[in-house]
Amino acid sequence: MESNQKSHSARWNYYIDRGFQNQFMLRFALVIVLIAVVALGALWLLRSEEYGLLPGNAGMLFAIDMQQTDASGAGGIVPGKSYTAFALYWPPVLIMSGINLTLILVFGLFYSHSMAGPIHNIKQTLRAMVDGEEPRPIRIRKGDQFQELADLMNQLIEKRVK
């Protein structure tokens, strides 16, 4: 029963090779961070020259206070309440980048798990053989990466080592 519990808990441990998996996720995350920095940098550079990023090719938007209406029924401009394209667009860019970063990290953890598990299993088998233990076949889960590599190593173990 003890080994069954250990096997079950190991199956649900998605961090098998922390170094490899962290590096894998970090590389994907850096792409998202780089995209966010470039998008925010482009908006920041355009802050003085809006280039039609706002409706009606306006250079700036102003807040309108409908309480302060004139004879024509138009609202009055609220002093100090103006918005550039940068001021309007950076929050959504930052929020979407955060959502993308979170999704990439979760995806990266699960995808790297399908690579780290077989690599870890292959390393354990090779270490056991180096230590003089009886070679055992390499078993990896269906859907994991490196199926062909594991099959070839099992053929090698069967033909050359045993």
N, C-alpha and C. Protein backbone atom coordinates (compact mmCIF):
# COMPACT_ATOMS: atom_id res chain seq x y z
N MET A 1 0.83 -1.19 0.00
CA MET A 1 0.00 0.00 0.00
C MET A 1 0.87 1.25 0.00
N GLU A 2 1.99 1.22 0.72
CA GLU A 2 2.89 2.37 0.81
C GLU A 2 3.43 2.74 -0.57
N SER A 3 3.86 1.75 -1.37
CA SER A 3 4.39 2.04 -2.69
C SER A 3 3.30 2.53 -3.64
N ASN A 4 2.07 2.04 -3.45
CA ASN A 4 0.95 2.48 -4.28
C ASN A 4 0.65 3.96 -4.03
N GLN A 5 0.69 4.38 -2.75
CA GLN A 5 0.46 5.79 -2.42
C GLN A 5 1.59 6.65 -2.97
N LYS A 6 2.83 6.16 -2.87
CA LYS A 6 3.98 6.90 -3.38
C LYS A 6 3.88 7.05 -4.89
N SER A 7 3.47 5.97 -5.58
CA SER A 7 3.31 6.01 -7.03
C SER A 7 2.21 6.99 -7.43
N HIS A 8 1.10 6.96 -6.69
CA HIS A 8 -0.02 7.87 -6.99
C HIS A 8 0.38 9.32 -6.76
N SER A 9 1.06 9.62 -5.65
CA SER A 9 1.45 11.00 -5.37
C SER A 9 2.51 11.48 -6.35
N ALA A 10 3.39 10.59 -6.81
CA ALA A 10 4.41 10.98 -7.78
C ALA A 10 3.77 11.30 -9.13
N ARG A 11 2.69 10.60 -9.46
CA ARG A 11 2.02 10.83 -10.73
C ARG A 11 1.41 12.22 -10.77
N TRP A 12 0.99 12.76 -9.64
CA TRP A 12 0.35 14.07 -9.59
C TRP A 12 1.33 15.18 -9.29
N ASN A 13 2.61 14.87 -9.15
CA ASN A 13 3.63 15.88 -8.92
C ASN A 13 4.10 16.38 -10.28
N TYR A 14 3.73 17.60 -10.63
CA TYR A 14 4.06 18.12 -11.95
C TYR A 14 5.46 18.72 -12.00
N TYR A 15 6.08 18.91 -10.85
CA TYR A 15 7.47 19.38 -10.82
C TYR A 15 8.37 18.18 -10.63
N ILE A 16 8.89 17.65 -11.72
CA ILE A 16 9.76 16.47 -11.65
C ILE A 16 11.22 16.91 -11.67
N ASP A 17 11.55 17.73 -12.64
CA ASP A 17 12.91 18.27 -12.77
C ASP A 17 12.78 19.79 -12.72
N ARG A 18 12.83 20.34 -11.51
CA ARG A 18 12.55 21.76 -11.30
C ARG A 18 13.42 22.68 -12.15
N GLY A 19 14.69 22.38 -12.25
CA GLY A 19 15.60 23.23 -13.03
C GLY A 19 15.18 23.30 -14.49
N PHE A 20 14.96 22.14 -15.09
CA PHE A 20 14.55 22.08 -16.49
C PHE A 20 13.21 22.76 -16.69
N GLN A 21 12.23 22.43 -15.84
CA GLN A 21 10.89 22.97 -16.01
C GLN A 21 10.84 24.48 -15.76
N ASN A 22 11.57 24.95 -14.76
CA ASN A 22 11.60 26.39 -14.51
C ASN A 22 12.23 27.13 -15.69
N GLN A 23 13.30 26.59 -16.23
CA GLN A 23 13.95 27.21 -17.39
C GLN A 23 13.02 27.20 -18.60
N PHE A 24 12.32 26.13 -18.80
CA PHE A 24 11.38 26.01 -19.91
C PHE A 24 10.28 27.07 -19.78
N MET A 25 9.67 27.17 -18.60
CA MET A 25 8.59 28.15 -18.38
C MET A 25 9.13 29.58 -18.45
N LEU A 26 10.32 29.80 -17.94
CA LEU A 26 10.91 31.14 -17.96
C LEU A 26 11.12 31.62 -19.40
N ARG A 27 11.56 30.73 -20.25
CA ARG A 27 11.78 31.13 -21.65
C ARG A 27 10.48 31.52 -22.33
N PHE A 28 9.41 30.77 -22.09
CA PHE A 28 8.11 31.14 -22.64
C PHE A 28 7.62 32.45 -22.02
N ALA A 29 7.81 32.60 -20.72
CA ALA A 29 7.36 33.81 -20.03
C ALA A 29 8.11 35.04 -20.53
N LEU A 30 9.39 34.88 -20.83
CA LEU A 30 10.17 36.01 -21.32
C LEU A 30 9.63 36.52 -22.66
N VAL A 31 9.09 35.63 -23.46
CA VAL A 31 8.49 36.06 -24.73
C VAL A 31 7.30 36.97 -24.45
N ILE A 32 6.46 36.59 -23.52
CA ILE A 32 5.29 37.41 -23.18
C ILE A 32 5.73 38.75 -22.59
N VAL A 33 6.70 38.72 -21.70
CA VAL A 33 7.20 39.96 -21.10
C VAL A 33 7.80 40.86 -22.18
N LEU A 34 8.55 40.28 -23.09
CA LEU A 34 9.15 41.06 -24.18
C LEU A 34 8.07 41.70 -25.06
N ILE A 35 7.04 40.95 -25.38
CA ILE A 35 5.93 41.49 -26.18
C ILE A 35 5.26 42.64 -25.44
N ALA A 36 5.03 42.49 -24.14
CA ALA A 36 4.40 43.55 -23.36
C ALA A 36 5.28 44.80 -23.32
N VAL A 37 6.57 44.61 -23.12
CA VAL A 37 7.50 45.75 -23.07
C VAL A 37 7.52 46.48 -24.41
N VAL A 38 7.56 45.73 -25.50
CA VAL A 38 7.57 46.35 -26.83
C VAL A 38 6.26 47.11 -27.06
N ALA A 39 5.12 46.51 -26.71
CA ALA A 39 3.83 47.18 -26.91
C ALA A 39 3.74 48.44 -26.06
N LEU A 40 4.11 48.34 -24.79
CA LEU A 40 4.06 49.53 -23.92
C LEU A 40 5.08 50.57 -24.37
N GLY A 41 6.25 50.13 -24.80
CA GLY A 41 7.26 51.07 -25.29
C GLY A 41 6.79 51.80 -26.54
N ALA A 42 6.14 51.09 -27.43
CA ALA A 42 5.61 51.72 -28.65
C ALA A 42 4.54 52.74 -28.28
N LEU A 43 3.67 52.40 -27.36
CA LEU A 43 2.65 53.37 -26.92
C LEU A 43 3.29 54.57 -26.25
N TRP A 44 4.31 54.34 -25.46
CA TRP A 44 4.99 55.45 -24.77
C TRP A 44 5.66 56.38 -25.79
N LEU A 45 6.29 55.79 -26.81
CA LEU A 45 6.94 56.61 -27.84
C LEU A 45 5.92 57.43 -28.63
N LEU A 46 4.72 56.90 -28.76
CA LEU A 46 3.68 57.59 -29.52
C LEU A 46 2.86 58.56 -28.67
N ARG A 47 3.22 58.72 -27.41
CA ARG A 47 2.40 59.53 -26.51
C ARG A 47 2.28 60.98 -26.96
N SER A 48 3.29 61.53 -27.64
CA SER A 48 3.21 62.92 -28.08
C SER A 48 2.69 63.02 -29.51
N GLU A 49 2.88 62.01 -30.30
CA GLU A 49 2.38 61.97 -31.68
C GLU A 49 1.44 60.78 -31.78
N GLU A 50 0.14 61.04 -31.69
CA GLU A 50 -0.83 59.95 -31.55
C GLU A 50 -1.07 59.15 -32.82
N TYR A 51 -0.78 59.69 -34.00
CA TYR A 51 -0.90 58.97 -35.26
C TYR A 51 -2.23 58.25 -35.44
N GLY A 52 -3.30 58.91 -35.06
CA GLY A 52 -4.63 58.34 -35.30
C GLY A 52 -4.99 57.17 -34.42
N LEU A 53 -4.36 57.02 -33.27
CA LEU A 53 -4.70 55.92 -32.38
C LEU A 53 -6.00 56.19 -31.62
N LEU A 54 -6.41 57.43 -31.59
CA LEU A 54 -7.65 57.79 -30.90
C LEU A 54 -8.75 58.04 -31.93
N PRO A 55 -10.01 57.95 -31.51
CA PRO A 55 -11.12 58.16 -32.45
C PRO A 55 -11.04 59.53 -33.12
N GLY A 56 -11.35 59.58 -34.40
CA GLY A 56 -11.36 60.82 -35.15
C GLY A 56 -9.98 61.43 -35.34
N ASN A 57 -8.94 60.61 -35.25
CA ASN A 57 -7.54 61.06 -35.35
C ASN A 57 -7.21 62.18 -34.37
N ALA A 58 -7.88 62.18 -33.24
CA ALA A 58 -7.63 63.19 -32.21
C ALA A 58 -6.29 62.92 -31.54
N GLY A 59 -5.67 63.97 -31.08
CA GLY A 59 -4.42 63.82 -30.35
C GLY A 59 -4.65 63.57 -28.88
N MET A 60 -5.84 63.91 -28.40
CA MET A 60 -6.14 63.77 -26.99
C MET A 60 -7.65 63.69 -26.81
N LEU A 61 -8.09 62.94 -25.83
CA LEU A 61 -9.50 62.88 -25.45
C LEU A 61 -9.69 63.65 -24.15
N PHE A 62 -10.86 64.23 -23.98
CA PHE A 62 -11.16 64.97 -22.76
C PHE A 62 -12.40 64.38 -22.11
N ALA A 63 -12.42 64.41 -20.79
CA ALA A 63 -13.61 63.98 -20.06
C ALA A 63 -14.65 65.08 -20.16
N ILE A 64 -15.91 64.69 -20.33
CA ILE A 64 -17.01 65.63 -20.45
C ILE A 64 -17.90 65.49 -19.21
N ASP A 65 -18.22 66.61 -18.61
CA ASP A 65 -19.13 66.62 -17.47
C ASP A 65 -20.50 67.04 -17.97
N MET A 66 -21.43 66.10 -18.01
CA MET A 66 -22.76 66.38 -18.54
C MET A 66 -23.56 67.29 -17.60
N GLN A 67 -23.12 67.47 -16.38
CA GLN A 67 -23.80 68.37 -15.44
C GLN A 67 -23.57 69.83 -15.82
N GLN A 68 -22.44 70.08 -16.48
CA GLN A 68 -22.09 71.45 -16.88
C GLN A 68 -22.43 71.63 -18.35
N THR A 69 -23.66 71.74 -18.68
CA THR A 69 -24.06 71.89 -20.08
C THR A 69 -24.24 73.36 -20.42
N ASP A 70 -23.99 73.66 -21.67
CA ASP A 70 -24.19 75.04 -22.14
C ASP A 70 -25.52 75.13 -22.89
N ALA A 71 -25.77 76.24 -23.56
CA ALA A 71 -27.03 76.46 -24.26
C ALA A 71 -27.26 75.45 -25.38
N SER A 72 -26.17 74.94 -25.99
CA SER A 72 -26.33 73.98 -27.08
C SER A 72 -26.57 72.57 -26.57
N GLY A 73 -26.45 72.36 -25.26
CA GLY A 73 -26.66 71.04 -24.68
C GLY A 73 -25.40 70.20 -24.62
N ALA A 74 -24.26 70.76 -25.05
CA ALA A 74 -22.99 70.03 -24.98
C ALA A 74 -22.44 70.12 -23.57
N GLY A 75 -21.81 69.04 -23.12
CA GLY A 75 -21.22 69.02 -21.78
C GLY A 75 -19.92 69.81 -21.74
N GLY A 76 -19.55 70.21 -20.55
CA GLY A 76 -18.31 70.97 -20.38
C GLY A 76 -17.12 70.05 -20.17
N ILE A 77 -15.97 70.48 -20.63
CA ILE A 77 -14.74 69.71 -20.45
C ILE A 77 -14.31 69.82 -19.00
N VAL A 78 -14.00 68.69 -18.40
CA VAL A 78 -13.55 68.65 -17.01
C VAL A 78 -12.08 69.02 -16.98
N PRO A 79 -11.70 70.06 -16.25
CA PRO A 79 -10.28 70.46 -16.19
C PRO A 79 -9.42 69.33 -15.60
N GLY A 80 -8.27 69.11 -16.22
CA GLY A 80 -7.33 68.10 -15.72
C GLY A 80 -7.72 66.67 -16.07
N LYS A 81 -8.78 66.46 -16.83
CA LYS A 81 -9.23 65.11 -17.20
C LYS A 81 -9.05 64.90 -18.70
N SER A 82 -7.81 64.79 -19.14
CA SER A 82 -7.54 64.50 -20.53
C SER A 82 -6.80 63.18 -20.62
N TYR A 83 -6.96 62.51 -21.75
CA TYR A 83 -6.38 61.19 -21.91
C TYR A 83 -5.65 61.11 -23.25
N THR A 84 -4.41 60.61 -23.20
CA THR A 84 -3.66 60.32 -24.42
C THR A 84 -3.89 58.86 -24.77
N ALA A 85 -3.45 58.46 -25.95
CA ALA A 85 -3.57 57.04 -26.33
C ALA A 85 -2.82 56.16 -25.34
N PHE A 86 -1.66 56.63 -24.88
CA PHE A 86 -0.89 55.83 -23.92
C PHE A 86 -1.70 55.62 -22.64
N ALA A 87 -2.31 56.70 -22.15
CA ALA A 87 -3.09 56.60 -20.91
C ALA A 87 -4.29 55.67 -21.07
N LEU A 88 -4.85 55.62 -22.26
CA LEU A 88 -6.01 54.76 -22.50
C LEU A 88 -5.63 53.30 -22.75
N TYR A 89 -4.51 53.08 -23.42
CA TYR A 89 -4.19 51.73 -23.88
C TYR A 89 -3.27 50.94 -22.96
N TRP A 90 -2.48 51.59 -22.08
CA TRP A 90 -1.53 50.80 -21.30
C TRP A 90 -2.21 49.87 -20.30
N PRO A 91 -3.31 50.24 -19.63
CA PRO A 91 -3.91 49.27 -18.69
C PRO A 91 -4.38 47.97 -19.37
N PRO A 92 -5.10 48.05 -20.51
CA PRO A 92 -5.49 46.78 -21.14
C PRO A 92 -4.30 45.96 -21.63
N VAL A 93 -3.26 46.64 -22.14
CA VAL A 93 -2.07 45.90 -22.59
C VAL A 93 -1.42 45.18 -21.41
N LEU A 94 -1.32 45.87 -20.29
CA LEU A 94 -0.71 45.28 -19.10
C LEU A 94 -1.57 44.12 -18.56
N ILE A 95 -2.88 44.30 -18.52
CA ILE A 95 -3.77 43.24 -18.02
C ILE A 95 -3.71 42.02 -18.92
N MET A 96 -3.79 42.23 -20.23
CA MET A 96 -3.73 41.09 -21.15
C MET A 96 -2.37 40.39 -21.10
N SER A 97 -1.32 41.16 -20.92
CA SER A 97 0.01 40.56 -20.79
C SER A 97 0.08 39.71 -19.52
N GLY A 98 -0.51 40.19 -18.45
CA GLY A 98 -0.55 39.40 -17.20
C GLY A 98 -1.34 38.11 -17.36
N ILE A 99 -2.48 38.19 -18.05
CA ILE A 99 -3.28 36.99 -18.31
C ILE A 99 -2.50 36.02 -19.19
N ASN A 100 -1.88 36.54 -20.25
CA ASN A 100 -1.07 35.69 -21.13
C ASN A 100 0.09 35.05 -20.38
N LEU A 101 0.74 35.82 -19.51
CA LEU A 101 1.86 35.29 -18.74
C LEU A 101 1.39 34.14 -17.84
N THR A 102 0.26 34.32 -17.18
CA THR A 102 -0.29 33.27 -16.32
C THR A 102 -0.61 32.02 -17.13
N LEU A 103 -1.26 32.20 -18.28
CA LEU A 103 -1.59 31.05 -19.12
C LEU A 103 -0.34 30.34 -19.62
N ILE A 104 0.68 31.10 -20.00
CA ILE A 104 1.93 30.51 -20.48
C ILE A 104 2.61 29.72 -19.36
N LEU A 105 2.61 30.26 -18.14
CA LEU A 105 3.25 29.54 -17.04
C LEU A 105 2.52 28.23 -16.74
N VAL A 106 1.20 28.25 -16.74
CA VAL A 106 0.43 27.02 -16.49
C VAL A 106 0.66 26.03 -17.63
N PHE A 107 0.54 26.51 -18.88
CA PHE A 107 0.79 25.65 -20.03
C PHE A 107 2.22 25.09 -19.99
N GLY A 108 3.17 25.96 -19.67
CA GLY A 108 4.57 25.55 -19.62
C GLY A 108 4.82 24.47 -18.59
N LEU A 109 4.15 24.58 -17.43
CA LEU A 109 4.32 23.56 -16.39
C LEU A 109 3.82 22.21 -16.88
N PHE A 110 2.62 22.18 -17.47
CA PHE A 110 2.06 20.90 -17.92
C PHE A 110 2.82 20.33 -19.12
N TYR A 111 3.20 21.20 -20.05
CA TYR A 111 3.93 20.70 -21.22
C TYR A 111 5.33 20.23 -20.84
N SER A 112 6.02 20.99 -19.99
CA SER A 112 7.35 20.59 -19.59
C SER A 112 7.31 19.30 -18.77
N HIS A 113 6.19 19.07 -18.08
CA HIS A 113 6.03 17.83 -17.32
C HIS A 113 6.07 16.62 -18.26
N SER A 114 5.50 16.78 -19.46
CA SER A 114 5.50 15.66 -20.41
C SER A 114 6.89 15.40 -20.98
N MET A 115 7.81 16.33 -20.78
CA MET A 115 9.20 16.12 -21.21
C MET A 115 10.08 15.74 -20.03
N ALA A 116 9.87 16.40 -18.89
CA ALA A 116 10.73 16.16 -17.73
C ALA A 116 10.55 14.75 -17.18
N GLY A 117 9.32 14.23 -17.21
CA GLY A 117 9.06 12.87 -16.69
C GLY A 117 9.88 11.82 -17.41
N PRO A 118 9.79 11.74 -18.74
CA PRO A 118 10.59 10.74 -19.46
C PRO A 118 12.09 10.94 -19.29
N ILE A 119 12.55 12.18 -19.32
CA ILE A 119 13.98 12.43 -19.13
C ILE A 119 14.43 11.96 -17.76
N HIS A 120 13.62 12.25 -16.75
CA HIS A 120 13.93 11.81 -15.38
C HIS A 120 13.99 10.29 -15.31
N ASN A 121 13.03 9.62 -15.94
CA ASN A 121 12.98 8.16 -15.93
C ASN A 121 14.20 7.57 -16.64
N ILE A 122 14.57 8.16 -17.78
CA ILE A 122 15.74 7.68 -18.52
C ILE A 122 17.00 7.87 -17.68
N LYS A 123 17.15 9.02 -17.04
CA LYS A 123 18.32 9.26 -16.18
C LYS A 123 18.39 8.25 -15.05
N GLN A 124 17.25 7.98 -14.40
CA GLN A 124 17.24 7.01 -13.31
C GLN A 124 17.67 5.62 -13.79
N THR A 125 17.16 5.22 -14.94
CA THR A 125 17.51 3.91 -15.48
C THR A 125 19.00 3.84 -15.81
N LEU A 126 19.52 4.89 -16.43
CA LEU A 126 20.95 4.89 -16.76
C LEU A 126 21.82 4.91 -15.51
N ARG A 127 21.43 5.69 -14.50
CA ARG A 127 22.19 5.71 -13.23
C ARG A 127 22.20 4.34 -12.57
N ALA A 128 21.04 3.67 -12.60
CA ALA A 128 20.96 2.33 -12.01
C ALA A 128 21.88 1.36 -12.74
N MET A 129 21.93 1.48 -14.07
CA MET A 129 22.81 0.60 -14.85
C MET A 129 24.27 0.92 -14.56
N VAL A 130 24.62 2.20 -14.42
CA VAL A 130 26.00 2.59 -14.10
C VAL A 130 26.39 2.05 -12.73
N ASP A 131 25.45 2.04 -11.79
CA ASP A 131 25.71 1.53 -10.44
C ASP A 131 25.73 0.01 -10.38
N GLY A 132 25.51 -0.65 -11.52
CA GLY A 132 25.59 -2.11 -11.56
C GLY A 132 24.29 -2.82 -11.28
N GLU A 133 23.21 -2.11 -11.17
CA GLU A 133 21.91 -2.75 -10.93
C GLU A 133 21.41 -3.41 -12.20
N GLU A 134 20.49 -4.32 -12.01
CA GLU A 134 19.87 -5.01 -13.14
C GLU A 134 19.12 -3.99 -14.00
N PRO A 135 19.37 -3.97 -15.31
CA PRO A 135 18.66 -3.01 -16.16
C PRO A 135 17.16 -3.32 -16.20
N ARG A 136 16.39 -2.28 -16.16
CA ARG A 136 14.94 -2.43 -16.24
C ARG A 136 14.45 -1.60 -17.42
N PRO A 137 13.33 -2.00 -18.01
CA PRO A 137 12.84 -1.23 -19.15
C PRO A 137 12.37 0.17 -18.71
N ILE A 138 12.49 1.08 -19.64
CA ILE A 138 12.05 2.46 -19.39
C ILE A 138 10.57 2.53 -19.71
N ARG A 139 9.79 2.98 -18.75
CA ARG A 139 8.35 3.10 -18.95
C ARG A 139 7.97 4.57 -18.83
N ILE A 140 7.30 5.05 -19.85
CA ILE A 140 6.81 6.43 -19.80
C ILE A 140 5.32 6.42 -20.13
N ARG A 141 4.65 7.45 -19.66
CA ARG A 141 3.20 7.54 -19.81
C ARG A 141 2.81 7.78 -21.26
N LYS A 142 1.63 7.30 -21.62
CA LYS A 142 1.08 7.58 -22.95
C LYS A 142 0.86 9.09 -23.06
N GLY A 143 1.26 9.67 -24.15
CA GLY A 143 1.11 11.11 -24.35
C GLY A 143 2.35 11.91 -23.96
N ASP A 144 3.31 11.27 -23.27
CA ASP A 144 4.55 11.96 -22.95
C ASP A 144 5.42 12.09 -24.19
N GLN A 145 6.35 13.01 -24.12
CA GLN A 145 7.30 13.20 -25.21
C GLN A 145 8.35 12.09 -25.15
N PHE A 146 9.13 11.97 -26.20
CA PHE A 146 10.27 11.05 -26.28
C PHE A 146 9.88 9.57 -26.26
N GLN A 147 8.71 9.24 -26.80
CA GLN A 147 8.28 7.84 -26.87
C GLN A 147 9.27 7.02 -27.70
N GLU A 148 9.67 7.55 -28.85
CA GLU A 148 10.57 6.83 -29.73
C GLU A 148 11.94 6.62 -29.08
N LEU A 149 12.43 7.63 -28.37
CA LEU A 149 13.70 7.50 -27.67
C LEU A 149 13.63 6.40 -26.61
N ALA A 150 12.56 6.38 -25.86
CA ALA A 150 12.40 5.34 -24.82
C ALA A 150 12.33 3.96 -25.45
N ASP A 151 11.62 3.83 -26.57
CA ASP A 151 11.54 2.54 -27.26
C ASP A 151 12.92 2.08 -27.74
N LEU A 152 13.68 3.00 -28.33
CA LEU A 152 15.03 2.65 -28.79
C LEU A 152 15.94 2.26 -27.63
N MET A 153 15.84 2.99 -26.52
CA MET A 153 16.68 2.64 -25.36
C MET A 153 16.27 1.29 -24.79
N ASN A 154 14.97 0.99 -24.80
CA ASN A 154 14.52 -0.33 -24.33
C ASN A 154 15.04 -1.44 -25.24
N GLN A 155 15.07 -1.19 -26.54
CA GLN A 155 15.64 -2.18 -27.46
C GLN A 155 17.13 -2.37 -27.18
N LEU A 156 17.85 -1.29 -26.93
CA LEU A 156 19.28 -1.37 -26.61
C LEU A 156 19.48 -2.17 -25.33
N ILE A 157 18.70 -1.87 -24.31
CA ILE A 157 18.83 -2.59 -23.04
C ILE A 157 18.56 -4.07 -23.25
N GLU A 158 17.54 -4.40 -24.02
CA GLU A 158 17.16 -5.79 -24.24
C GLU A 158 18.22 -6.54 -25.03
N LYS A 159 18.79 -5.91 -26.05
CA LYS A 159 19.74 -6.60 -26.93
C LYS A 159 21.18 -6.58 -26.43
N ARG A 160 21.61 -5.52 -25.82
CA ARG A 160 23.03 -5.35 -25.53
C ARG A 160 23.38 -5.49 -24.04
N VAL A 161 22.47 -5.15 -23.19
CA VAL A 161 22.82 -5.11 -21.77
C VAL A 161 22.42 -6.37 -21.05
N LYS A 162 21.27 -6.92 -21.35
CA LYS A 162 20.79 -8.09 -20.60
C LYS A 162 21.46 -9.35 -21.03
